[in-house]
N, C-alpha and C. Protein backbone atom coordinates (compact mmCIF):
# COMPACT_ATOMS: atom_id res chain seq x y z
N MET A 1 -131.56 149.32 -6.19
CA MET A 1 -131.14 148.18 -7.34
C MET A 1 -129.71 148.62 -8.09
N LYS A 2 -128.98 147.45 -8.10
CA LYS A 2 -127.80 146.96 -8.65
C LYS A 2 -128.12 147.59 -10.28
N LYS A 3 -126.71 148.28 -10.82
CA LYS A 3 -126.43 148.66 -11.91
C LYS A 3 -126.78 147.46 -13.05
N PHE A 4 -127.85 147.64 -14.10
CA PHE A 4 -128.05 147.03 -14.79
C PHE A 4 -129.01 145.57 -14.37
N GLU A 5 -129.46 145.57 -13.11
CA GLU A 5 -129.90 144.34 -12.56
C GLU A 5 -130.80 143.74 -13.54
N GLU A 6 -130.92 142.56 -13.14
CA GLU A 6 -131.95 141.77 -14.15
C GLU A 6 -132.78 140.85 -13.13
N LYS A 7 -134.11 141.43 -12.69
CA LYS A 7 -134.66 140.94 -11.98
C LYS A 7 -135.21 139.52 -12.48
N THR A 8 -135.11 138.33 -11.45
CA THR A 8 -135.68 137.22 -11.79
C THR A 8 -137.20 137.04 -11.54
N ILE A 9 -138.08 136.66 -12.41
CA ILE A 9 -139.63 136.43 -12.52
C ILE A 9 -139.58 134.89 -12.54
N ALA A 10 -139.36 134.02 -12.66
CA ALA A 10 -139.23 132.53 -12.48
C ALA A 10 -137.99 131.87 -12.89
N THR A 11 -137.66 130.65 -12.27
CA THR A 11 -136.46 129.77 -12.27
C THR A 11 -136.99 128.45 -12.93
N ASN A 12 -136.38 127.82 -13.65
CA ASN A 12 -136.97 126.68 -13.91
C ASN A 12 -135.82 125.58 -14.10
N GLN A 13 -135.89 124.38 -13.16
CA GLN A 13 -134.90 123.93 -12.96
C GLN A 13 -134.56 122.83 -13.72
N ILE A 14 -133.59 123.00 -14.84
CA ILE A 14 -133.72 121.50 -15.98
C ILE A 14 -133.01 120.60 -15.58
N PHE A 15 -131.77 120.66 -14.37
CA PHE A 15 -131.04 119.33 -14.23
C PHE A 15 -130.14 119.40 -12.93
N GLU A 16 -130.13 118.67 -11.94
CA GLU A 16 -129.31 118.85 -10.81
C GLU A 16 -128.45 117.53 -10.83
N GLY A 17 -126.84 117.90 -10.93
CA GLY A 17 -125.80 117.05 -10.75
C GLY A 17 -125.16 117.06 -9.77
N HIS A 18 -123.87 116.31 -9.88
CA HIS A 18 -123.18 116.07 -8.79
C HIS A 18 -122.28 117.23 -8.65
N ILE A 19 -122.02 117.88 -10.01
CA ILE A 19 -121.26 119.17 -10.02
C ILE A 19 -121.60 120.13 -10.70
N ILE A 20 -122.28 119.98 -11.58
CA ILE A 20 -123.27 121.51 -11.66
C ILE A 20 -124.81 121.02 -11.57
N SER A 21 -125.48 122.52 -11.79
CA SER A 21 -126.89 122.32 -11.95
C SER A 21 -126.91 123.39 -13.36
N LEU A 22 -128.22 122.81 -13.75
CA LEU A 22 -128.44 123.92 -14.80
C LEU A 22 -130.06 124.68 -14.62
N GLN A 23 -130.32 125.80 -14.92
CA GLN A 23 -131.68 126.63 -15.08
C GLN A 23 -131.68 127.34 -15.96
N VAL A 24 -132.97 127.62 -16.20
CA VAL A 24 -133.07 128.83 -17.07
C VAL A 24 -134.07 129.69 -16.06
N ASP A 25 -133.56 131.11 -16.29
CA ASP A 25 -134.45 132.19 -15.63
C ASP A 25 -135.31 132.75 -16.61
N ASP A 26 -136.33 133.24 -16.31
CA ASP A 26 -137.15 134.17 -16.96
C ASP A 26 -136.65 135.56 -16.23
N VAL A 27 -136.33 136.71 -16.77
CA VAL A 27 -135.87 137.90 -16.20
C VAL A 27 -136.47 139.04 -16.99
N LEU A 28 -136.79 139.36 -16.05
CA LEU A 28 -137.08 141.39 -16.03
C LEU A 28 -135.90 142.29 -16.30
N LEU A 29 -135.42 142.70 -17.86
CA LEU A 29 -134.86 143.54 -18.10
C LEU A 29 -134.50 144.61 -17.86
N PRO A 30 -133.20 145.74 -17.59
CA PRO A 30 -133.42 146.73 -16.61
C PRO A 30 -134.39 147.49 -17.96
N ASP A 31 -134.81 147.48 -19.35
CA ASP A 31 -135.42 148.28 -19.67
C ASP A 31 -137.08 148.01 -19.82
N GLY A 32 -137.25 147.15 -18.74
CA GLY A 32 -138.68 146.74 -18.97
C GLY A 32 -138.89 145.25 -19.77
N ASN A 33 -137.96 144.76 -20.56
CA ASN A 33 -138.70 143.83 -21.15
C ASN A 33 -138.10 142.67 -20.11
N LYS A 34 -138.53 141.33 -21.24
CA LYS A 34 -138.47 140.01 -20.68
C LYS A 34 -137.64 139.43 -21.08
N GLY A 35 -136.21 138.58 -21.14
CA GLY A 35 -135.45 137.73 -21.39
C GLY A 35 -135.12 136.59 -20.62
N LYS A 36 -134.78 135.42 -21.08
CA LYS A 36 -134.48 134.23 -20.88
C LYS A 36 -132.89 133.78 -20.34
N ARG A 37 -132.28 133.69 -19.54
CA ARG A 37 -131.48 133.27 -19.22
C ARG A 37 -130.68 131.82 -18.80
N GLU A 38 -129.85 130.98 -19.30
CA GLU A 38 -129.50 129.75 -19.08
C GLU A 38 -128.41 129.77 -18.01
N LEU A 39 -128.23 129.27 -17.09
CA LEU A 39 -127.76 129.28 -16.01
C LEU A 39 -127.08 128.22 -15.61
N VAL A 40 -125.50 127.84 -15.32
CA VAL A 40 -125.17 126.89 -14.56
C VAL A 40 -124.43 126.95 -13.55
N LYS A 41 -125.05 126.64 -12.57
CA LYS A 41 -124.75 126.59 -10.88
C LYS A 41 -123.58 125.67 -10.65
N HIS A 42 -122.53 126.40 -10.02
CA HIS A 42 -121.66 125.73 -9.30
C HIS A 42 -121.07 125.82 -7.92
N PRO A 43 -120.80 125.02 -7.20
CA PRO A 43 -119.86 125.28 -5.69
C PRO A 43 -119.28 125.81 -5.15
N GLY A 44 -118.30 125.98 -6.45
CA GLY A 44 -116.81 126.94 -6.35
C GLY A 44 -115.63 125.74 -6.38
N ALA A 45 -114.60 125.96 -6.77
CA ALA A 45 -113.74 125.29 -6.78
C ALA A 45 -112.39 126.18 -6.08
N VAL A 46 -111.26 125.38 -5.72
CA VAL A 46 -109.62 125.86 -5.72
C VAL A 46 -109.07 125.13 -6.59
N ALA A 47 -107.97 125.82 -6.51
CA ALA A 47 -106.83 125.71 -7.40
C ALA A 47 -105.32 125.78 -6.50
N ILE A 48 -104.14 125.24 -6.58
CA ILE A 48 -103.22 125.30 -6.35
C ILE A 48 -101.86 125.27 -6.60
N VAL A 49 -101.06 126.30 -6.77
CA VAL A 49 -99.90 126.80 -7.21
C VAL A 49 -99.21 126.30 -5.88
N ALA A 50 -98.11 125.03 -6.44
CA ALA A 50 -97.62 124.43 -5.37
C ALA A 50 -96.06 124.17 -6.06
N VAL A 51 -94.91 124.82 -5.27
CA VAL A 51 -93.82 124.87 -5.84
C VAL A 51 -92.69 124.10 -4.29
N THR A 52 -92.00 123.08 -5.49
CA THR A 52 -90.91 122.37 -4.75
C THR A 52 -89.86 123.01 -4.28
N ASP A 53 -88.97 122.62 -3.32
CA ASP A 53 -87.63 123.11 -2.75
C ASP A 53 -86.83 123.30 -3.85
N GLU A 54 -86.97 122.37 -5.12
CA GLU A 54 -86.04 122.80 -6.07
C GLU A 54 -86.35 123.59 -7.35
N GLY A 55 -87.79 124.50 -6.96
CA GLY A 55 -88.31 125.56 -7.97
C GLY A 55 -89.45 125.25 -9.04
N LYS A 56 -89.37 123.63 -8.78
CA LYS A 56 -90.05 122.84 -9.78
C LYS A 56 -91.39 123.54 -9.54
N ILE A 57 -92.59 123.35 -10.38
CA ILE A 57 -93.92 123.41 -10.25
C ILE A 57 -94.80 122.05 -10.51
N ILE A 58 -95.59 121.86 -9.35
CA ILE A 58 -96.48 120.79 -9.49
C ILE A 58 -97.67 120.50 -10.40
N PHE A 59 -98.00 120.22 -10.92
CA PHE A 59 -99.00 119.92 -12.10
C PHE A 59 -99.25 118.17 -12.08
N VAL A 60 -100.85 118.23 -12.28
CA VAL A 60 -101.46 116.60 -12.80
C VAL A 60 -101.69 116.66 -13.95
N GLU A 61 -101.26 115.60 -14.80
CA GLU A 61 -101.81 115.64 -16.31
C GLU A 61 -103.75 114.85 -15.94
N GLN A 62 -104.40 115.40 -16.62
CA GLN A 62 -105.99 114.64 -16.53
C GLN A 62 -106.72 114.61 -17.82
N TYR A 63 -107.34 113.95 -18.00
CA TYR A 63 -108.06 113.37 -19.46
C TYR A 63 -109.64 114.51 -18.97
N ARG A 64 -109.90 115.22 -19.95
CA ARG A 64 -110.87 116.05 -19.80
C ARG A 64 -112.09 116.05 -21.10
N LYS A 65 -112.84 114.99 -20.43
CA LYS A 65 -113.96 114.67 -21.36
C LYS A 65 -114.70 115.69 -22.18
N PRO A 66 -114.64 117.12 -21.44
CA PRO A 66 -115.46 118.11 -22.39
C PRO A 66 -114.70 118.12 -23.36
N LEU A 67 -113.45 118.16 -23.70
CA LEU A 67 -112.43 118.54 -24.51
C LEU A 67 -111.88 117.36 -25.51
N GLU A 68 -111.79 116.13 -24.94
CA GLU A 68 -111.66 114.82 -25.55
C GLU A 68 -109.96 114.78 -25.51
N ARG A 69 -109.53 115.17 -24.51
CA ARG A 69 -108.06 115.19 -24.29
C ARG A 69 -107.61 115.35 -23.23
N SER A 70 -106.21 114.98 -22.94
CA SER A 70 -105.70 115.43 -21.80
C SER A 70 -105.18 116.38 -21.27
N LEU A 71 -104.99 117.04 -20.40
CA LEU A 71 -104.70 118.65 -20.12
C LEU A 71 -103.57 118.53 -18.98
N VAL A 72 -102.73 119.36 -19.03
CA VAL A 72 -101.47 119.60 -17.64
C VAL A 72 -102.06 120.80 -17.16
N GLU A 73 -102.41 120.52 -15.55
CA GLU A 73 -103.13 121.34 -14.69
C GLU A 73 -102.36 121.84 -13.63
N ILE A 74 -102.57 122.81 -12.93
CA ILE A 74 -102.45 122.40 -11.46
C ILE A 74 -103.41 121.60 -10.87
N PRO A 75 -103.45 121.33 -9.71
CA PRO A 75 -104.04 120.63 -8.99
C PRO A 75 -105.49 121.63 -8.59
N ALA A 76 -106.43 120.75 -8.45
CA ALA A 76 -107.61 121.56 -8.37
C ALA A 76 -108.73 121.16 -8.01
N GLY A 77 -110.09 121.17 -7.44
CA GLY A 77 -111.29 120.46 -7.34
C GLY A 77 -112.05 121.41 -6.70
N LYS A 78 -113.41 120.60 -6.57
CA LYS A 78 -114.37 121.23 -5.96
C LYS A 78 -114.28 121.47 -4.94
N ILE A 79 -115.23 122.29 -4.19
CA ILE A 79 -115.45 122.75 -2.74
C ILE A 79 -116.81 121.86 -2.28
N GLU A 80 -116.46 121.21 -1.45
CA GLU A 80 -117.85 120.49 -1.03
C GLU A 80 -118.57 121.29 -0.03
N ALA A 81 -119.78 120.93 0.17
CA ALA A 81 -121.02 121.80 0.96
C ALA A 81 -120.17 122.26 2.28
N ASN A 82 -120.33 123.39 2.65
CA ASN A 82 -120.03 123.68 3.68
C ASN A 82 -118.47 123.86 4.45
N GLU A 83 -117.83 123.54 3.05
CA GLU A 83 -116.18 123.45 3.45
C GLU A 83 -115.59 124.76 3.08
N GLU A 84 -114.80 125.56 3.56
CA GLU A 84 -113.78 126.42 3.40
C GLU A 84 -112.95 126.09 2.21
N PRO A 85 -112.40 127.28 1.26
CA PRO A 85 -111.98 127.04 0.25
C PRO A 85 -110.63 126.60 0.66
N ILE A 86 -110.04 127.08 1.56
CA ILE A 86 -108.53 126.77 2.16
C ILE A 86 -108.62 125.23 2.56
N VAL A 87 -109.80 124.55 3.44
CA VAL A 87 -109.71 123.23 3.81
C VAL A 87 -109.61 122.85 2.38
N THR A 88 -110.85 123.16 1.25
CA THR A 88 -110.42 122.45 -0.35
C THR A 88 -109.08 122.16 -0.12
N ALA A 89 -108.65 123.18 -0.62
CA ALA A 89 -107.07 123.56 -1.37
C ALA A 89 -105.96 122.58 -0.69
N ARG A 90 -106.17 122.31 0.45
CA ARG A 90 -105.45 120.92 1.46
C ARG A 90 -105.83 120.03 0.85
N ARG A 91 -106.80 119.23 1.14
CA ARG A 91 -107.43 118.49 0.88
C ARG A 91 -107.32 117.92 -0.62
N GLU A 92 -107.10 118.92 -1.82
CA GLU A 92 -107.33 118.44 -2.84
C GLU A 92 -105.32 118.30 -3.43
N LEU A 93 -104.87 119.20 -2.62
CA LEU A 93 -103.10 118.72 -2.51
C LEU A 93 -102.59 117.62 -2.22
N GLU A 94 -103.45 117.21 -0.94
CA GLU A 94 -103.31 115.83 -0.99
C GLU A 94 -103.88 114.65 -1.76
N GLU A 95 -104.95 114.67 -2.40
CA GLU A 95 -105.23 113.64 -2.98
C GLU A 95 -104.82 113.44 -4.10
N GLU A 96 -104.75 114.86 -5.16
CA GLU A 96 -104.35 114.96 -6.09
C GLU A 96 -102.60 114.49 -6.22
N THR A 97 -101.68 115.00 -5.45
CA THR A 97 -100.04 114.84 -5.58
C THR A 97 -99.79 114.31 -4.72
N GLY A 98 -100.07 113.75 -3.44
CA GLY A 98 -99.23 112.81 -2.24
C GLY A 98 -98.45 114.11 -1.64
N TYR A 99 -98.57 115.35 -1.74
CA TYR A 99 -97.71 116.02 -0.96
C TYR A 99 -99.09 116.80 0.04
N THR A 100 -98.40 117.62 1.08
CA THR A 100 -99.14 118.44 2.02
C THR A 100 -98.37 119.37 2.27
N THR A 101 -98.71 120.61 2.98
CA THR A 101 -98.46 121.63 3.42
C THR A 101 -99.16 122.46 4.81
N ASP A 102 -98.26 122.74 5.72
CA ASP A 102 -98.64 124.00 6.90
C ASP A 102 -99.10 124.93 6.14
N LYS A 103 -98.62 125.53 4.97
CA LYS A 103 -99.05 126.76 4.83
C LYS A 103 -99.25 127.25 3.48
N LEU A 104 -100.63 127.36 3.59
CA LEU A 104 -101.51 128.02 2.01
C LEU A 104 -101.69 129.61 2.24
N GLN A 105 -101.05 130.20 1.06
CA GLN A 105 -101.17 131.54 1.08
C GLN A 105 -102.33 131.68 -0.06
N TYR A 106 -103.40 132.43 0.30
CA TYR A 106 -104.29 133.07 -0.76
C TYR A 106 -103.95 133.89 -1.45
N VAL A 107 -103.98 133.65 -3.34
CA VAL A 107 -103.57 134.55 -4.11
C VAL A 107 -104.76 135.06 -4.77
N THR A 108 -105.91 135.00 -5.00
CA THR A 108 -106.82 135.56 -5.76
C THR A 108 -108.23 134.38 -6.04
N SER A 109 -109.15 135.22 -6.35
CA SER A 109 -110.49 134.26 -6.77
C SER A 109 -110.84 135.25 -8.00
N PHE A 110 -111.31 134.10 -8.96
CA PHE A 110 -111.95 134.51 -10.50
C PHE A 110 -113.19 134.17 -10.74
N TYR A 111 -114.19 134.34 -11.53
CA TYR A 111 -115.10 133.57 -11.86
C TYR A 111 -114.84 133.46 -13.34
N THR A 112 -114.96 131.75 -13.92
CA THR A 112 -114.29 131.06 -14.91
C THR A 112 -115.21 131.56 -16.16
N SER A 113 -116.42 131.66 -16.13
CA SER A 113 -117.71 132.16 -17.13
C SER A 113 -118.91 132.95 -17.01
N PRO A 114 -118.54 133.98 -16.36
CA PRO A 114 -119.54 134.63 -15.91
C PRO A 114 -120.53 134.91 -16.78
N GLY A 115 -120.71 134.86 -17.92
CA GLY A 115 -122.08 134.91 -18.99
C GLY A 115 -122.73 133.97 -19.13
N PHE A 116 -122.37 132.98 -18.22
CA PHE A 116 -123.45 131.56 -18.17
C PHE A 116 -123.53 130.81 -16.81
N ALA A 117 -122.33 131.21 -16.29
CA ALA A 117 -122.12 130.06 -14.59
C ALA A 117 -121.37 130.78 -13.44
N ASP A 118 -121.62 130.54 -12.52
CA ASP A 118 -121.34 131.16 -11.38
C ASP A 118 -120.14 130.37 -10.53
N GLU A 119 -119.59 129.68 -11.34
CA GLU A 119 -118.51 129.02 -10.43
C GLU A 119 -117.25 130.20 -10.50
N ILE A 120 -116.86 130.37 -8.95
CA ILE A 120 -115.49 130.86 -8.75
C ILE A 120 -114.60 130.09 -8.58
N ILE A 121 -113.38 130.41 -9.33
CA ILE A 121 -111.98 129.63 -8.34
C ILE A 121 -111.13 130.48 -7.39
N HIS A 122 -110.49 129.79 -6.23
CA HIS A 122 -109.69 130.48 -5.38
C HIS A 122 -108.47 129.80 -5.32
N ILE A 123 -107.88 130.89 -5.80
CA ILE A 123 -106.00 130.17 -5.93
C ILE A 123 -105.17 130.52 -4.79
N TYR A 124 -104.70 129.51 -4.22
CA TYR A 124 -103.55 129.48 -3.15
C TYR A 124 -102.24 129.16 -3.44
N TYR A 125 -101.42 129.60 -3.02
CA TYR A 125 -99.98 129.20 -3.20
C TYR A 125 -99.07 128.48 -2.12
N THR A 126 -98.36 127.76 -2.60
CA THR A 126 -97.24 126.75 -1.32
C THR A 126 -95.95 126.78 -1.91
N ASN A 127 -95.29 126.96 -1.42
CA ASN A 127 -93.86 126.57 -1.29
C ASN A 127 -92.96 125.87 -0.85
N GLN A 128 -93.64 125.05 0.35
CA GLN A 128 -93.49 124.58 1.33
C GLN A 128 -94.32 122.82 1.37
N LEU A 129 -93.63 122.18 0.87
CA LEU A 129 -94.51 121.01 0.77
C LEU A 129 -93.75 119.94 1.49
N LYS A 130 -94.48 119.13 1.98
CA LYS A 130 -94.15 118.07 2.38
C LYS A 130 -94.68 116.39 1.56
N ILE A 131 -94.04 115.90 1.59
CA ILE A 131 -94.91 114.36 0.95
C ILE A 131 -95.57 113.70 2.49
N LEU A 132 -96.50 113.22 1.89
CA LEU A 132 -97.03 112.27 2.68
C LEU A 132 -96.80 111.01 3.02
N THR A 133 -96.81 110.64 4.18
CA THR A 133 -96.01 109.29 4.60
C THR A 133 -96.82 108.30 3.87
N ASP A 134 -98.38 108.47 4.03
CA ASP A 134 -99.62 107.74 3.72
C ASP A 134 -100.75 108.60 2.63
N LYS A 135 -100.34 107.86 1.36
CA LYS A 135 -101.28 108.35 0.23
C LYS A 135 -102.77 108.68 1.08
N VAL A 136 -103.41 109.71 0.58
CA VAL A 136 -104.96 110.21 0.74
C VAL A 136 -105.61 109.61 -0.50
N ALA A 137 -106.73 108.64 -0.66
CA ALA A 137 -107.57 108.54 -1.35
C ALA A 137 -108.03 109.59 -2.29
N GLY A 138 -108.04 109.57 -3.62
CA GLY A 138 -108.51 110.46 -4.23
C GLY A 138 -109.96 109.86 -4.61
N ASP A 139 -110.93 110.67 -5.41
CA ASP A 139 -111.79 110.46 -6.31
C ASP A 139 -111.66 109.05 -7.04
N ASP A 140 -112.97 108.29 -6.90
CA ASP A 140 -112.67 106.71 -7.35
C ASP A 140 -112.70 106.84 -9.03
N ASP A 141 -113.03 108.20 -9.74
CA ASP A 141 -113.10 108.26 -10.73
C ASP A 141 -112.24 109.30 -11.40
N GLU A 142 -111.06 109.37 -10.96
CA GLU A 142 -110.25 110.94 -11.04
C GLU A 142 -109.08 109.88 -11.52
N PHE A 143 -108.14 110.13 -12.71
CA PHE A 143 -106.99 109.57 -12.82
C PHE A 143 -105.80 110.63 -13.41
N VAL A 144 -104.91 110.74 -12.55
CA VAL A 144 -104.23 111.97 -12.71
C VAL A 144 -102.97 111.44 -12.59
N GLU A 145 -101.75 112.01 -13.28
CA GLU A 145 -100.59 111.74 -13.19
C GLU A 145 -99.21 112.71 -12.72
N LEU A 146 -98.62 112.80 -11.71
CA LEU A 146 -97.78 113.96 -11.25
C LEU A 146 -97.35 114.02 -12.21
N ILE A 147 -96.37 115.76 -12.32
CA ILE A 147 -95.67 116.19 -13.37
C ILE A 147 -94.78 117.26 -12.55
N ALA A 148 -93.89 117.41 -12.77
CA ALA A 148 -93.07 118.33 -12.04
C ALA A 148 -92.25 119.33 -13.26
N LEU A 149 -92.46 120.49 -13.22
CA LEU A 149 -91.94 121.51 -14.36
C LEU A 149 -91.57 122.60 -13.70
N THR A 150 -90.52 123.33 -14.48
CA THR A 150 -89.74 123.85 -14.29
C THR A 150 -90.63 125.28 -15.11
N LEU A 151 -90.28 126.59 -14.59
CA LEU A 151 -91.08 127.44 -15.05
C LEU A 151 -91.08 127.74 -16.69
N GLU A 152 -89.86 127.47 -17.10
CA GLU A 152 -89.57 127.66 -18.65
C GLU A 152 -90.33 126.18 -19.35
N GLU A 153 -90.10 125.21 -18.44
CA GLU A 153 -90.59 123.95 -19.31
C GLU A 153 -92.27 123.84 -19.53
N ALA A 154 -93.06 125.14 -18.02
CA ALA A 154 -94.49 124.99 -17.86
C ALA A 154 -94.62 126.17 -19.53
N GLU A 155 -94.20 127.01 -19.76
CA GLU A 155 -94.19 128.31 -20.71
C GLU A 155 -94.20 127.28 -22.36
N GLN A 156 -93.33 126.29 -22.08
CA GLN A 156 -93.25 125.63 -23.45
C GLN A 156 -94.52 124.49 -23.51
N TYR A 157 -95.08 124.20 -22.70
CA TYR A 157 -96.40 123.51 -22.30
C TYR A 157 -97.66 124.25 -22.99
N MET A 158 -97.21 125.39 -22.37
CA MET A 158 -98.44 126.36 -22.81
C MET A 158 -98.13 126.79 -24.61
N LYS A 159 -97.40 126.95 -24.82
CA LYS A 159 -97.12 126.97 -26.45
C LYS A 159 -97.48 125.80 -27.08
N GLU A 160 -97.35 124.86 -26.85
CA GLU A 160 -97.79 123.49 -27.20
C GLU A 160 -98.89 123.08 -26.86
N LYS A 161 -99.70 123.89 -26.12
CA LYS A 161 -101.19 124.00 -25.82
C LYS A 161 -101.15 122.52 -24.75
N LYS A 162 -100.41 122.12 -24.48
CA LYS A 162 -100.35 120.67 -23.51
C LYS A 162 -100.92 121.56 -22.09
N ILE A 163 -101.03 122.45 -21.91
CA ILE A 163 -101.30 123.80 -20.61
C ILE A 163 -102.27 124.70 -21.31
N HIS A 164 -103.31 124.43 -21.16
CA HIS A 164 -104.42 125.31 -22.26
C HIS A 164 -105.71 125.40 -21.25
N ASP A 165 -105.55 125.77 -19.83
CA ASP A 165 -106.95 126.31 -18.96
C ASP A 165 -106.38 127.41 -18.38
N ALA A 166 -107.50 128.16 -18.23
CA ALA A 166 -107.35 129.68 -17.45
C ALA A 166 -106.62 129.88 -16.29
N LYS A 167 -106.90 128.52 -15.54
CA LYS A 167 -106.44 128.62 -13.97
C LYS A 167 -104.69 128.42 -13.99
N THR A 168 -104.20 127.21 -14.94
CA THR A 168 -103.07 127.18 -15.12
C THR A 168 -102.43 128.20 -15.47
N VAL A 169 -102.67 129.03 -17.02
CA VAL A 169 -102.16 129.85 -17.42
C VAL A 169 -102.18 131.15 -16.23
N TYR A 170 -103.04 131.29 -15.88
CA TYR A 170 -102.80 132.24 -14.32
C TYR A 170 -101.49 131.75 -13.77
N ALA A 171 -101.96 130.68 -13.02
CA ALA A 171 -100.42 130.21 -12.08
C ALA A 171 -98.97 130.33 -12.79
N ILE A 172 -99.14 130.18 -14.01
CA ILE A 172 -97.88 130.13 -14.60
C ILE A 172 -97.56 131.70 -14.82
N GLN A 173 -98.63 132.75 -14.90
CA GLN A 173 -98.16 134.16 -15.06
C GLN A 173 -97.64 134.89 -13.88
N TYR A 174 -98.51 133.87 -12.75
CA TYR A 174 -98.62 134.63 -11.15
C TYR A 174 -96.94 134.12 -11.01
N LEU A 175 -96.68 133.01 -11.04
CA LEU A 175 -95.11 132.62 -10.69
C LEU A 175 -94.10 133.19 -11.75
N LYS A 176 -94.48 133.77 -12.58
CA LYS A 176 -93.07 134.92 -13.53
C LYS A 176 -92.93 135.76 -12.67
N MET A 177 -94.10 136.23 -11.98
CA MET A 177 -94.27 137.70 -11.62
C MET A 177 -93.46 137.58 -10.07
N ILE A 178 -94.04 136.50 -9.40
CA ILE A 178 -93.43 136.42 -8.03
C ILE A 178 -91.95 135.48 -7.95
N GLY A 179 -91.77 134.68 -9.02
CA GLY A 179 -90.38 133.98 -8.86
C GLY A 179 -91.10 132.62 -8.56
N THR A 180 -90.40 131.69 -8.86
CA THR A 180 -91.12 130.15 -8.24
C THR A 180 -89.82 130.12 -6.87
N ASN A 181 -89.11 131.00 -6.59
CA ASN A 181 -88.63 130.64 -4.84
C ASN A 181 -89.04 132.20 -3.63
N ALA A 182 -90.17 132.41 -4.23
CA ALA A 182 -90.58 133.83 -3.25
C ALA A 182 -91.27 133.10 -2.17
């Protein structure tokens, strides 16, 4: 038995969407009592810390409906069924930025909100970007603007809350640690 394990007694599927599904599980708690858990299931995602030859970090600005505002973020996207995260990383880099690379270095993975969701984000790094000669089509409902910032400019965007999501803040902290020319 796993420490503090909550055994699932029953699952009620509430919603099945394109990006997430929602379920409510009845669970048996470690002390023998019963409880309910509302769970968001997600296939996982990748995010790419991409740095140009000039030492600028590639970001995309995108409207985020749950927040009712735009955010500046590192390129990212959902892992498709049976797709390896590194394949998703290259695809998302190409679709969102118009760049590609032959070198993606795995950095880390983390759970975004483990209290209610199983979403995991895999972070990759590259400083060997090449501009694509032919643009790769992205999602029909995704509208992004490319932004290249120095590390100092990115930190200022954080202060102004233009950059205000965990994966992008992580990326900036990572680059502060390794430097943009690593």
